[in-house]
PDB file of N, CA and C in Angstrom:
ATOM      1  N   MET A   1     -59.767  56.103 131.011  1.00  0.00           N
ATOM      2  CA  MET A   1     -58.694  57.057 130.788  1.00  0.00           C
ATOM      3  C   MET A   1     -59.004  58.353 131.529  1.00  0.00           C
ATOM      4  N   SER A   2     -58.018  58.902 132.202  1.00  0.00           N
ATOM      5  CA  SER A   2     -58.170  60.141 132.955  1.00  0.00           C
ATOM      6  C   SER A   2     -58.166  61.351 132.033  1.00  0.00           C
ATOM      7  N   VAL A   3     -58.854  62.380 132.467  1.00  0.00           N
ATOM      8  CA  VAL A   3     -58.818  63.670 131.793  1.00  0.00           C
ATOM      9  C   VAL A   3     -57.967  64.587 132.662  1.00  0.00           C
ATOM     10  N   VAL A   4     -56.986  65.255 132.031  1.00  0.00           N
ATOM     11  CA  VAL A   4     -56.017  66.055 132.776  1.00  0.00           C
ATOM     12  C   VAL A   4     -56.304  67.549 132.600  1.00  0.00           C
ATOM     13  N   TYR A   5     -56.197  68.263 133.725  1.00  0.00           N
ATOM     14  CA  TYR A   5     -56.341  69.718 133.738  1.00  0.00           C
ATOM     15  C   TYR A   5     -55.108  70.282 134.435  1.00  0.00           C
ATOM     16  N   ASP A   6     -54.261  70.994 133.697  1.00  0.00           N
ATOM     17  CA  ASP A   6     -53.056  71.605 134.256  1.00  0.00           C
ATOM     18  C   ASP A   6     -53.239  73.115 134.339  1.00  0.00           C
ATOM     19  N   VAL A   7     -52.562  73.714 135.309  1.00  0.00           N
ATOM     20  CA  VAL A   7     -52.585  75.166 135.468  1.00  0.00           C
ATOM     21  C   VAL A   7     -51.152  75.666 135.625  1.00  0.00           C
ATOM     22  N   TYR A   8     -50.838  76.723 134.894  1.00  0.00           N
ATOM     23  CA  TYR A   8     -49.546  77.416 134.971  1.00  0.00           C
ATOM     24  C   TYR A   8     -49.818  78.848 135.393  1.00  0.00           C
ATOM     25  N   GLY A   9     -48.865  79.463 136.076  1.00  0.00           N
ATOM     26  CA  GLY A   9     -49.042  80.823 136.548  1.00  0.00           C
ATOM     27  C   GLY A   9     -47.898  81.732 136.150  1.00  0.00           C
ATOM     28  N   LEU A  10     -48.248  82.998 135.972  1.00  0.00           N
ATOM     29  CA  LEU A  10     -47.285  84.058 135.677  1.00  0.00           C
ATOM     30  C   LEU A  10     -47.415  85.097 136.783  1.00  0.00           C
ATOM     31  N   ALA A  11     -46.316  85.421 137.447  1.00  0.00           N
ATOM     32  CA  ALA A  11     -46.353  86.350 138.575  1.00  0.00           C
ATOM     33  C   ALA A  11     -46.373  87.815 138.153  1.00  0.00           C
ATOM     34  N   GLU A  12     -45.995  88.120 136.922  1.00  0.00           N
ATOM     35  CA  GLU A  12     -45.938  89.511 136.454  1.00  0.00           C
ATOM     36  C   GLU A  12     -47.321  90.162 136.504  1.00  0.00           C
ATOM     37  N   ALA A  13     -47.366  91.422 136.919  1.00  0.00           N
ATOM     38  CA  ALA A  13     -48.639  92.136 137.011  1.00  0.00           C
ATOM     39  C   ALA A  13     -49.228  92.455 135.641  1.00  0.00           C
ATOM     40  N   ILE A  14     -48.363  92.678 134.647  1.00  0.00           N
ATOM     41  CA  ILE A  14     -48.830  93.025 133.301  1.00  0.00           C
ATOM     42  C   ILE A  14     -48.524  91.857 132.370  1.00  0.00           C
ATOM     43  N   LEU A  15     -49.508  91.467 131.584  1.00  0.00           N
ATOM     44  CA  LEU A  15     -49.359  90.325 130.694  1.00  0.00           C
ATOM     45  C   LEU A  15     -48.384  90.608 129.551  1.00  0.00           C
ATOM     46  N   GLY A  16     -48.340  91.835 129.078  1.00  0.00           N
ATOM     47  CA  GLY A  16     -47.381  92.232 128.048  1.00  0.00           C
ATOM     48  C   GLY A  16     -47.429  91.362 126.812  1.00  0.00           C
ATOM     49  N   ASP A  17     -46.267  90.861 126.382  1.00  0.00           N
ATOM     50  CA  ASP A  17     -46.135  90.060 125.159  1.00  0.00           C
ATOM     51  C   ASP A  17     -46.330  88.561 125.395  1.00  0.00           C
ATOM     52  N   GLU A  18     -46.769  88.181 126.568  1.00  0.00           N
ATOM     53  CA  GLU A  18     -46.875  86.755 126.890  1.00  0.00           C
ATOM     54  C   GLU A  18     -47.812  85.979 125.961  1.00  0.00           C
ATOM     55  N   PRO A  19     -48.951  86.535 125.536  1.00  0.00           N
ATOM     56  CA  PRO A  19     -49.775  85.748 124.605  1.00  0.00           C
ATOM     57  C   PRO A  19     -49.009  85.371 123.335  1.00  0.00           C
ATOM     58  N   GLY A  20     -48.224  86.281 122.791  1.00  0.00           N
ATOM     59  CA  GLY A  20     -47.426  85.989 121.600  1.00  0.00           C
ATOM     60  C   GLY A  20     -46.342  84.969 121.868  1.00  0.00           C
ATOM     61  N   ARG A  21     -45.680  85.088 123.003  1.00  0.00           N
ATOM     62  CA  ARG A  21     -44.632  84.119 123.356  1.00  0.00           C
ATOM     63  C   ARG A  21     -45.220  82.717 123.519  1.00  0.00           C
ATOM     64  N   LEU A  22     -46.356  82.641 124.203  1.00  0.00           N
ATOM     65  CA  LEU A  22     -47.017  81.350 124.377  1.00  0.00           C
ATOM     66  C   LEU A  22     -47.449  80.772 123.033  1.00  0.00           C
ATOM     67  N   ALA A  23     -48.003  81.616 122.175  1.00  0.00           N
ATOM     68  CA  ALA A  23     -48.445  81.150 120.852  1.00  0.00           C
ATOM     69  C   ALA A  23     -47.268  80.583 120.067  1.00  0.00           C
ATOM     70  N   ASP A  24     -46.135  81.260 120.111  1.00  0.00           N
ATOM     71  CA  ASP A  24     -44.949  80.788 119.386  1.00  0.00           C
ATOM     72  C   ASP A  24     -44.457  79.441 119.909  1.00  0.00           C
ATOM     73  N   VAL A  25     -44.343  79.325 121.220  1.00  0.00           N
ATOM     74  CA  VAL A  25     -43.809  78.105 121.829  1.00  0.00           C
ATOM     75  C   VAL A  25     -44.762  76.920 121.657  1.00  0.00           C
ATOM     76  N   LEU A  26     -46.058  77.200 121.736  1.00  0.00           N
ATOM     77  CA  LEU A  26     -47.046  76.122 121.677  1.00  0.00           C
ATOM     78  C   LEU A  26     -47.549  75.837 120.263  1.00  0.00           C
ATOM     79  N   GLY A  27     -47.300  76.749 119.324  1.00  0.00           N
ATOM     80  CA  GLY A  27     -47.783  76.558 117.962  1.00  0.00           C
ATOM     81  C   GLY A  27     -49.282  76.713 117.843  1.00  0.00           C
ATOM     82  N   ILE A  28     -49.813  77.747 118.505  1.00  0.00           N
ATOM     83  CA  ILE A  28     -51.266  77.972 118.523  1.00  0.00           C
ATOM     84  C   ILE A  28     -51.584  79.388 118.046  1.00  0.00           C
ATOM     85  N   THR A  29     -52.865  79.628 117.825  1.00  0.00           N
ATOM     86  CA  THR A  29     -53.364  80.957 117.513  1.00  0.00           C
ATOM     87  C   THR A  29     -54.449  81.299 118.524  1.00  0.00           C
ATOM     88  N   TRP A  30     -54.249  82.381 119.239  1.00  0.00           N
ATOM     89  CA  TRP A  30     -55.218  82.815 120.244  1.00  0.00           C
ATOM     90  C   TRP A  30     -56.402  83.530 119.603  1.00  0.00           C
ATOM     91  N   GLU A  31     -57.560  83.374 120.207  1.00  0.00           N
ATOM     92  CA  GLU A  31     -58.737  84.194 119.926  1.00  0.00           C
ATOM     93  C   GLU A  31     -59.004  84.977 121.208  1.00  0.00           C
ATOM     94  N   GLU A  32     -59.094  86.295 121.079  1.00  0.00           N
ATOM     95  CA  GLU A  32     -59.339  87.130 122.259  1.00  0.00           C
ATOM     96  C   GLU A  32     -60.841  87.242 122.500  1.00  0.00           C
ATOM     97  N   HIS A  33     -61.230  87.150 123.783  1.00  0.00           N
ATOM     98  CA  HIS A  33     -62.638  87.222 124.174  1.00  0.00           C
ATOM     99  C   HIS A  33     -62.784  88.136 125.383  1.00  0.00           C
ATOM    100  N   ASP A  34     -64.000  88.515 125.651  1.00  0.00           N
ATOM    101  CA  ASP A  34     -64.333  89.294 126.842  1.00  0.00           C
ATOM    102  C   ASP A  34     -65.539  88.630 127.493  1.00  0.00           C
ATOM    103  N   SER A  35     -65.470  88.456 128.796  1.00  0.00           N
ATOM    104  CA  SER A  35     -66.513  87.738 129.515  1.00  0.00           C
ATOM    105  C   SER A  35     -66.777  88.415 130.853  1.00  0.00           C
ATOM    106  N   ASP A  36     -68.029  88.393 131.277  1.00  0.00           N
ATOM    107  CA  ASP A  36     -68.352  88.911 132.609  1.00  0.00           C
ATOM    108  C   ASP A  36     -67.679  88.063 133.686  1.00  0.00           C
ATOM    109  N   TYR A  37     -67.512  86.783 133.413  1.00  0.00           N
ATOM    110  CA  TYR A  37     -66.929  85.859 134.386  1.00  0.00           C
ATOM    111  C   TYR A  37     -65.402  85.923 134.403  1.00  0.00           C
ATOM    112  N   ARG A  38     -64.759  85.855 133.237  1.00  0.00           N
ATOM    113  CA  ARG A  38     -63.301  85.796 133.152  1.00  0.00           C
ATOM    114  C   ARG A  38     -62.656  87.149 132.875  1.00  0.00           C
ATOM    115  N   GLY A  39     -63.406  88.135 132.469  1.00  0.00           N
ATOM    116  CA  GLY A  39     -62.822  89.389 132.010  1.00  0.00           C
ATOM    117  C   GLY A  39     -62.252  89.180 130.615  1.00  0.00           C
ATOM    118  N   ARG A  40     -61.206  89.912 130.274  1.00  0.00           N
ATOM    119  CA  ARG A  40     -60.532  89.726 128.985  1.00  0.00           C
ATOM    120  C   ARG A  40     -59.684  88.466 129.083  1.00  0.00           C
ATOM    121  N   TYR A  41     -59.850  87.570 128.113  1.00  0.00           N
ATOM    122  CA  TYR A  41     -59.081  86.337 128.127  1.00  0.00           C
ATOM    123  C   TYR A  41     -58.812  85.872 126.707  1.00  0.00           C
ATOM    124  N   PHE A  42     -57.927  84.881 126.596  1.00  0.00           N
ATOM    125  CA  PHE A  42     -57.543  84.323 125.310  1.00  0.00           C
ATOM    126  C   PHE A  42     -57.881  82.832 125.313  1.00  0.00           C
ATOM    127  N   HIS A  43     -58.332  82.346 124.170  1.00  0.00           N
ATOM    128  CA  HIS A  43     -58.714  80.942 124.035  1.00  0.00           C
ATOM    129  C   HIS A  43     -58.063  80.375 122.771  1.00  0.00           C
ATOM    130  N   ALA A  44     -57.641  79.115 122.845  1.00  0.00           N
ATOM    131  CA  ALA A  44     -57.082  78.436 121.675  1.00  0.00           C
ATOM    132  C   ALA A  44     -57.277  76.940 121.814  1.00  0.00           C
ATOM    133  N   SER A  45     -57.350  76.273 120.673  1.00  0.00           N
ATOM    134  CA  SER A  45     -57.272  74.817 120.671  1.00  0.00           C
ATOM    135  C   SER A  45     -55.820  74.468 120.939  1.00  0.00           C
ATOM    136  N   GLY A  46     -55.607  73.335 121.589  1.00  0.00           N
ATOM    137  CA  GLY A  46     -54.245  72.912 121.882  1.00  0.00           C
ATOM    138  C   GLY A  46     -53.450  72.662 120.618  1.00  0.00           C
ATOM    139  N   PRO A  47     -52.133  72.563 120.734  1.00  0.00           N
ATOM    140  CA  PRO A  47     -51.286  72.313 119.568  1.00  0.00           C
ATOM    141  C   PRO A  47     -51.700  71.028 118.855  1.00  0.00           C
ATOM    142  N   PRO A  48     -51.501  70.957 117.538  1.00  0.00           N
ATOM    143  CA  PRO A  48     -51.803  69.718 116.827  1.00  0.00           C
ATOM    144  C   PRO A  48     -51.080  68.534 117.483  1.00  0.00           C
ATOM    145  N   ALA A  49     -51.737  67.405 117.497  1.00  0.00           N
ATOM    146  CA  ALA A  49     -51.236  66.163 118.087  1.00  0.00           C
ATOM    147  C   ALA A  49     -51.242  66.188 119.619  1.00  0.00           C
ATOM    148  N   VAL A  50     -51.516  67.330 120.201  1.00  0.00           N
ATOM    149  CA  VAL A  50     -51.598  67.439 121.665  1.00  0.00           C
ATOM    150  C   VAL A  50     -53.054  67.646 122.074  1.00  0.00           C
ATOM    151  N   GLY A  51     -53.759  68.457 121.284  1.00  0.00           N
ATOM    152  CA  GLY A  51     -55.181  68.676 121.487  1.00  0.00           C
ATOM    153  C   GLY A  51     -55.508  69.428 122.758  1.00  0.00           C
ATOM    154  N   GLY A  52     -56.752  69.339 123.133  1.00  0.00           N
ATOM    155  CA  GLY A  52     -57.235  70.019 124.323  1.00  0.00           C
ATOM    156  C   GLY A  52     -57.613  71.452 124.056  1.00  0.00           C
ATOM    157  N   GLU A  53     -57.704  72.193 125.141  1.00  0.00           N
ATOM    158  CA  GLU A  53     -58.134  73.582 125.104  1.00  0.00           C
ATOM    159  C   GLU A  53     -57.204  74.387 126.000  1.00  0.00           C
ATOM    160  N   LEU A  54     -56.832  75.576 125.552  1.00  0.00           N
ATOM    161  CA  LEU A  54     -55.984  76.463 126.332  1.00  0.00           C
ATOM    162  C   LEU A  54     -56.740  77.754 126.608  1.00  0.00           C
ATOM    163  N   ILE A  55     -56.651  78.212 127.841  1.00  0.00           N
ATOM    164  CA  ILE A  55     -57.264  79.481 128.238  1.00  0.00           C
ATOM    165  C   ILE A  55     -56.216  80.274 128.999  1.00  0.00           C
ATOM    166  N   LEU A  56     -56.007  81.504 128.574  1.00  0.00           N
ATOM    167  CA  LEU A  56     -55.088  82.438 129.228  1.00  0.00           C
ATOM    168  C   LEU A  56     -55.935  83.552 129.808  1.00  0.00           C
ATOM    169  N   GLN A  57     -55.881  83.715 131.128  1.00  0.00           N
ATOM    170  CA  GLN A  57     -56.734  84.705 131.783  1.00  0.00           C
ATOM    171  C   GLN A  57     -56.060  85.261 133.029  1.00  0.00           C
ATOM    172  N   SER A  58     -56.637  86.315 133.542  1.00  0.00           N
ATOM    173  CA  SER A  58     -56.157  86.910 134.783  1.00  0.00           C
ATOM    174  C   SER A  58     -56.597  86.064 135.969  1.00  0.00           C
ATOM    175  N   ASN A  59     -55.781  86.032 136.997  1.00  0.00           N
ATOM    176  CA  ASN A  59     -56.193  85.430 138.260  1.00  0.00           C
ATOM    177  C   ASN A  59     -56.923  86.468 139.114  1.00  0.00           C
ATOM    178  N   ASP A  60     -56.759  87.739 138.785  1.00  0.00           N
ATOM    179  CA  ASP A  60     -57.388  88.848 139.516  1.00  0.00           C
ATOM    180  C   ASP A  60     -58.720  89.183 138.854  1.00  0.00           C
ATOM    181  N   LEU A  61     -59.807  88.829 139.510  1.00  0.00           N
ATOM    182  CA  LEU A  61     -61.129  89.075 138.947  1.00  0.00           C
ATOM    183  C   LEU A  61     -61.927  89.985 139.868  1.00  0.00           C
ATOM    184  N   ARG A  62     -63.026  90.483 139.334  1.00  0.00           N
ATOM    185  CA  ARG A  62     -63.884  91.401 140.084  1.00  0.00           C
ATOM    186  C   ARG A  62     -65.322  91.147 139.697  1.00  0.00           C
ATOM    187  N   ASP A  63     -66.188  91.143 140.692  1.00  0.00           N
ATOM    188  CA  ASP A  63     -67.620  91.074 140.423  1.00  0.00           C
ATOM    189  C   ASP A  63     -68.332  92.063 141.338  1.00  0.00           C
ATOM    190  N   GLU A  64     -69.652  91.961 141.426  1.00  0.00           N
ATOM    191  CA  GLU A  64     -70.423  92.924 142.215  1.00  0.00           C
ATOM    192  C   GLU A  64     -70.070  92.900 143.701  1.00  0.00           C
ATOM    193  N   THR A  65     -69.437  91.830 144.179  1.00  0.00           N
ATOM    194  CA  THR A  65     -69.057  91.757 145.591  1.00  0.00           C
ATOM    195  C   THR A  65     -67.633  92.244 145.840  1.00  0.00           C
ATOM    196  N   GLY A  66     -66.881  92.503 144.756  1.00  0.00           N
ATOM    197  CA  GLY A  66     -65.524  93.017 144.912  1.00  0.00           C
ATOM    198  C   GLY A  66     -64.487  92.176 144.191  1.00  0.00           C
ATOM    199  N   ASP A  67     -63.236  92.363 144.605  1.00  0.00           N
ATOM    200  CA  ASP A  67     -62.114  91.663 143.981  1.00  0.00           C
ATOM    201  C   ASP A  67     -61.970  90.259 144.567  1.00  0.00           C
ATOM    202  N   TYR A  68     -61.527  89.320 143.716  1.00  0.00           N
ATOM    203  CA  TYR A  68     -61.253  87.971 144.177  1.00  0.00           C
ATOM    204  C   TYR A  68     -60.286  87.304 143.201  1.00  0.00           C
ATOM    205  N   PHE A  69     -59.709  86.187 143.624  1.00  0.00           N
ATOM    206  CA  PHE A  69     -58.809  85.408 142.777  1.00  0.00           C
ATOM    207  C   PHE A  69     -59.582  84.263 142.141  1.00  0.00           C
ATOM    208  N   GLN A  70     -59.310  84.019 140.860  1.00  0.00           N
ATOM    209  CA  GLN A  70     -59.874  82.840 140.203  1.00  0.00           C
ATOM    210  C   GLN A  70     -59.410  81.583 140.941  1.00  0.00           C
ATOM    211  N   LEU A  71     -58.119  81.524 141.248  1.00  0.00           N
ATOM    212  CA  LEU A  71     -57.554  80.422 142.030  1.00  0.00           C
ATOM    213  C   LEU A  71     -56.957  81.004 143.306  1.00  0.00           C
ATOM    214  N   PRO A  72     -57.723  81.066 144.385  1.00  0.00           N
ATOM    215  CA  PRO A  72     -57.251  81.709 145.610  1.00  0.00           C
ATOM    216  C   PRO A  72     -56.036  81.051 146.237  1.00  0.00           C
ATOM    217  N   GLY A  73     -55.755  79.811 145.892  1.00  0.00           N
ATOM    218  CA  GLY A  73     -54.586  79.134 146.431  1.00  0.00           C
ATOM    219  C   GLY A  73     -53.273  79.615 145.825  1.00  0.00           C
ATOM    220  N   PHE A  74     -53.356  80.472 144.787  1.00  0.00           N
ATOM    221  CA  PHE A  74     -52.165  80.964 144.098  1.00  0.00           C
ATOM    222  C   PHE A  74     -52.220  82.487 143.940  1.00  0.00           C
ATOM    223  N   PRO A  75     -52.304  83.227 145.043  1.00  0.00           N
ATOM    224  CA  PRO A  75     -52.476  84.686 144.946  1.00  0.00           C
ATOM    225  C   PRO A  75     -51.270  85.422 144.368  1.00  0.00           C
ATOM    226  N   ASP A  76     -50.087  84.809 144.359  1.00  0.00           N
ATOM    227  CA  ASP A  76     -48.898  85.469 143.820  1.00  0.00           C
ATOM    228  C   ASP A  76     -48.844  85.437 142.302  1.00  0.00           C
ATOM    229  N   TYR A  77     -49.706  84.651 141.683  1.00  0.00           N
ATOM    230  CA  TYR A  77     -49.708  84.523 140.227  1.00  0.00           C
ATOM    231  C   TYR A  77     -50.864  85.325 139.654  1.00  0.00           C
ATOM    232  N   ARG A  78     -50.527  86.357 138.901  1.00  0.00           N
ATOM    233  CA  ARG A  78     -51.514  87.314 138.416  1.00  0.00           C
ATOM    234  C   ARG A  78     -52.226  86.851 137.152  1.00  0.00           C
ATOM    235  N   HIS A  79     -51.593  85.925 136.410  1.00  0.00           N
ATOM    236  CA  HIS A  79     -52.175  85.401 135.173  1.00  0.00           C
ATOM    237  C   HIS A  79     -52.074  83.886 135.187  1.00  0.00           C
ATOM    238  N   LEU A  80     -53.077  83.243 134.601  1.00  0.00           N
ATOM    239  CA  LEU A  80     -53.163  81.793 134.595  1.00  0.00           C
ATOM    240  C   LEU A  80     -53.248  81.267 133.169  1.00  0.00           C
ATOM    241  N   LEU A  81     -52.587  80.165 132.922  1.00  0.00           N
ATOM    242  CA  LEU A  81     -52.737  79.418 131.685  1.00  0.00           C
ATOM    243  C   LEU A  81     -53.349  78.082 132.061  1.00  0.00           C
ATOM    244  N   LEU A  82     -54.562  77.846 131.592  1.00  0.00           N
ATOM    245  CA  LEU A  82     -55.271  76.608 131.862  1.00  0.00           C
ATOM    246  C   LEU A  82     -55.126  75.700 130.650  1.00  0.00           C
ATOM    247  N   VAL A  83     -54.643  74.494 130.868  1.00  0.00           N
ATOM    248  CA  VAL A  83     -54.478  73.500 129.806  1.00  0.00           C
ATOM    249  C   VAL A  83     -55.468  72.384 130.127  1.00  0.00           C
ATOM    250  N   ASN A  84     -56.552  72.351 129.370  1.00  0.00           N
ATOM    251  CA  ASN A  84     -57.665  71.453 129.670  1.00  0.00           C
ATOM    252  C   ASN A  84     -57.774  70.319 128.660  1.00  0.00           C
ATOM    253  N   GLU A  85     -57.856  69.111 129.165  1.00  0.00           N
ATOM    254  CA  GLU A  85     -58.166  67.919 128.383  1.00  0.00           C
ATOM    255  C   GLU A  85     -57.184  67.663 127.240  1.00  0.00           C
ATOM    256  N   SER A  86     -55.926  67.969 127.437  1.00  0.00           N
ATOM    257  CA  SER A  86     -54.893  67.678 126.437  1.00  0.00           C
ATOM    258  C   SER A  86     -54.592  66.186 126.444  1.00  0.00           C
ATOM    259  N   ALA A  87     -54.410  65.625 125.252  1.00  0.00           N
ATOM    260  CA  ALA A  87     -54.050  64.211 125.144  1.00  0.00           C
ATOM    261  C   ALA A  87     -52.623  63.962 125.624  1.00  0.00           C
ATOM    262  N   HIS A  88     -51.775  64.998 125.561  1.00  0.00           N
ATOM    263  CA  HIS A  88     -50.369  64.873 125.958  1.00  0.00           C
ATOM    264  C   HIS A  88     -49.944  66.100 126.769  1.00  0.00           C
ATOM    265  N   PRO A  89     -50.466  66.234 127.995  1.00  0.00           N
ATOM    266  CA  PRO A  89     -50.156  67.425 128.785  1.00  0.00           C
ATOM    267  C   PRO A  89     -48.673  67.575 129.123  1.00  0.00           C
ATOM    268  N   ASP A  90     -47.949  66.458 129.189  1.00  0.00           N
ATOM    269  CA  ASP A  90     -46.520  66.551 129.488  1.00  0.00           C
ATOM    270  C   ASP A  90     -45.743  67.174 128.328  1.00  0.00           C
ATOM    271  N   GLU A  91     -46.242  67.013 127.104  1.00  0.00           N
ATOM    272  CA  GLU A  91     -45.606  67.675 125.968  1.00  0.00           C
ATOM    273  C   GLU A  91     -45.822  69.186 126.054  1.00  0.00           C
ATOM    274  N   VAL A  92     -47.018  69.591 126.467  1.00  0.00           N
ATOM    275  CA  VAL A  92     -47.270  71.019 126.673  1.00  0.00           C
ATOM    276  C   VAL A  92     -46.319  71.546 127.739  1.00  0.00           C
ATOM    277  N   ARG A  93     -46.178  70.804 128.819  1.00  0.00           N
ATOM    278  CA  ARG A  93     -45.276  71.208 129.909  1.00  0.00           C
ATOM    279  C   ARG A  93     -43.837  71.342 129.406  1.00  0.00           C
ATOM    280  N   GLU A  94     -43.405  70.405 128.577  1.00  0.00           N
ATOM    281  CA  GLU A  94     -42.051  70.457 128.009  1.00  0.00           C
ATOM    282  C   GLU A  94     -41.882  71.704 127.144  1.00  0.00           C
ATOM    283  N   ARG A  95     -42.857  71.995 126.305  1.00  0.00           N
ATOM    284  CA  ARG A  95     -42.781  73.192 125.455  1.00  0.00           C
ATOM    285  C   ARG A  95     -42.722  74.465 126.298  1.00  0.00           C
ATOM    286  N   LEU A  96     -43.487  74.481 127.379  1.00  0.00           N
ATOM    287  CA  LEU A  96     -43.508  75.668 128.249  1.00  0.00           C
ATOM    288  C   LEU A  96     -42.219  75.848 129.040  1.00  0.00           C
ATOM    289  N   SER A  97     -41.394  74.839 129.094  1.00  0.00           N
ATOM    290  CA  SER A  97     -40.119  74.982 129.795  1.00  0.00           C
ATOM    291  C   SER A  97     -39.233  76.033 129.107  1.00  0.00           C
ATOM    292  N   ALA A  98     -39.522  76.359 127.855  1.00  0.00           N
ATOM    293  CA  ALA A  98     -38.796  77.415 127.142  1.00  0.00           C
ATOM    294  C   ALA A  98     -39.164  78.799 127.660  1.00  0.00           C
ATOM    295  N   LEU A  99     -40.219  78.884 128.462  1.00  0.00           N
ATOM    296  CA  LEU A  99     -40.670  80.157 129.050  1.00  0.00           C
ATOM    297  C   LEU A  99     -40.648  80.015 130.570  1.00  0.00           C
ATOM    298  N   PRO A 100     -39.475  80.175 131.191  1.00  0.00           N
ATOM    299  CA  PRO A 100     -39.356  79.921 132.632  1.00  0.00           C
ATOM    300  C   PRO A 100     -40.183  80.856 133.507  1.00  0.00           C
ATOM    301  N   GLN A 101     -40.674  81.946 132.949  1.00  0.00           N
ATOM    302  CA  GLN A 101     -41.525  82.839 133.725  1.00  0.00           C
ATOM    303  C   GLN A 101     -42.891  82.193 134.038  1.00  0.00           C
ATOM    304  N   TRP A 102     -43.246  81.162 133.284  1.00  0.00           N
ATOM    305  CA  TRP A 102     -44.486  80.426 133.539  1.00  0.00           C
ATOM    306  C   TRP A 102     -44.174  79.227 134.433  1.00  0.00           C
ATOM    307  N   ARG A 103     -44.817  79.201 135.583  1.00  0.00           N
ATOM    308  CA  ARG A 103     -44.553  78.139 136.563  1.00  0.00           C
ATOM    309  C   ARG A 103     -45.727  77.163 136.600  1.00  0.00           C
ATOM    310  N   PHE A 104     -45.393  75.885 136.574  1.00  0.00           N
ATOM    311  CA  PHE A 104     -46.421  74.857 136.719  1.00  0.00           C
ATOM    312  C   PHE A 104     -46.979  74.941 138.133  1.00  0.00           C
ATOM    313  N   LEU A 105     -48.310  75.049 138.264  1.00  0.00           N
ATOM    314  CA  LEU A 105     -48.923  75.203 139.575  1.00  0.00           C
ATOM    315  C   LEU A 105     -49.612  73.929 140.069  1.00  0.00           C
ATOM    316  N   ARG A 106     -50.350  73.265 139.180  1.00  0.00           N
ATOM    317  CA  ARG A 106     -51.053  72.065 139.653  1.00  0.00           C
ATOM    318  C   ARG A 106     -51.583  71.250 138.481  1.00  0.00           C
ATOM    319  N   ARG A 107     -51.851  69.992 138.787  1.00  0.00           N
ATOM    320  CA  ARG A 107     -52.493  69.084 137.837  1.00  0.00           C
ATOM    321  C   ARG A 107     -53.649  68.402 138.559  1.00  0.00           C
ATOM    322  N   ARG A 108     -54.765  68.335 137.852  1.00  0.00           N
ATOM    323  CA  ARG A 108     -55.917  67.571 138.351  1.00  0.00           C
ATOM    324  C   ARG A 108     -56.277  66.528 137.312  1.00  0.00           C
ATOM    325  N   GLU A 109     -56.465  65.309 137.769  1.00  0.00           N
ATOM    326  CA  GLU A 109     -56.860  64.219 136.884  1.00  0.00           C
ATOM    327  C   GLU A 109     -58.214  63.703 137.332  1.00  0.00           C
ATOM    328  N   LEU A 110     -59.136  63.651 136.382  1.00  0.00           N
ATOM    329  CA  LEU A 110     -60.478  63.153 136.660  1.00  0.00           C
ATOM    330  C   LEU A 110     -60.730  61.908 135.845  1.00  0.00           C
ATOM    331  N   ASP A 111     -61.325  60.922 136.473  1.00  0.00           N
ATOM    332  CA  ASP A 111     -61.669  59.677 135.756  1.00  0.00           C
ATOM    333  C   ASP A 111     -63.018  59.784 135.097  1.00  0.00           C
TER     334      ASP A 111
END
């Protein structure tokens, strides 16, 4: 069975109320964290019956060498929603269709 990793992007420069909107649509509760690697980010277990892990973070990062993108292939998207190892990633995608500001960027499947 493949393990699926999906990424969604938000082009807005300011995250604003998006964590709350995502929580409502997905039926999750975010935990806010701070990391040297990710900066300020949000983490949650996937919705019940869907499972997996959700991470909401900036695509704009900075380290001792300067500014860089977490996903350089998507520089127009300032915030990323990572949906990792969900048993039903297409259900997550369907739920996110209620938030058109979030665009599906890519899917990776690993065996």
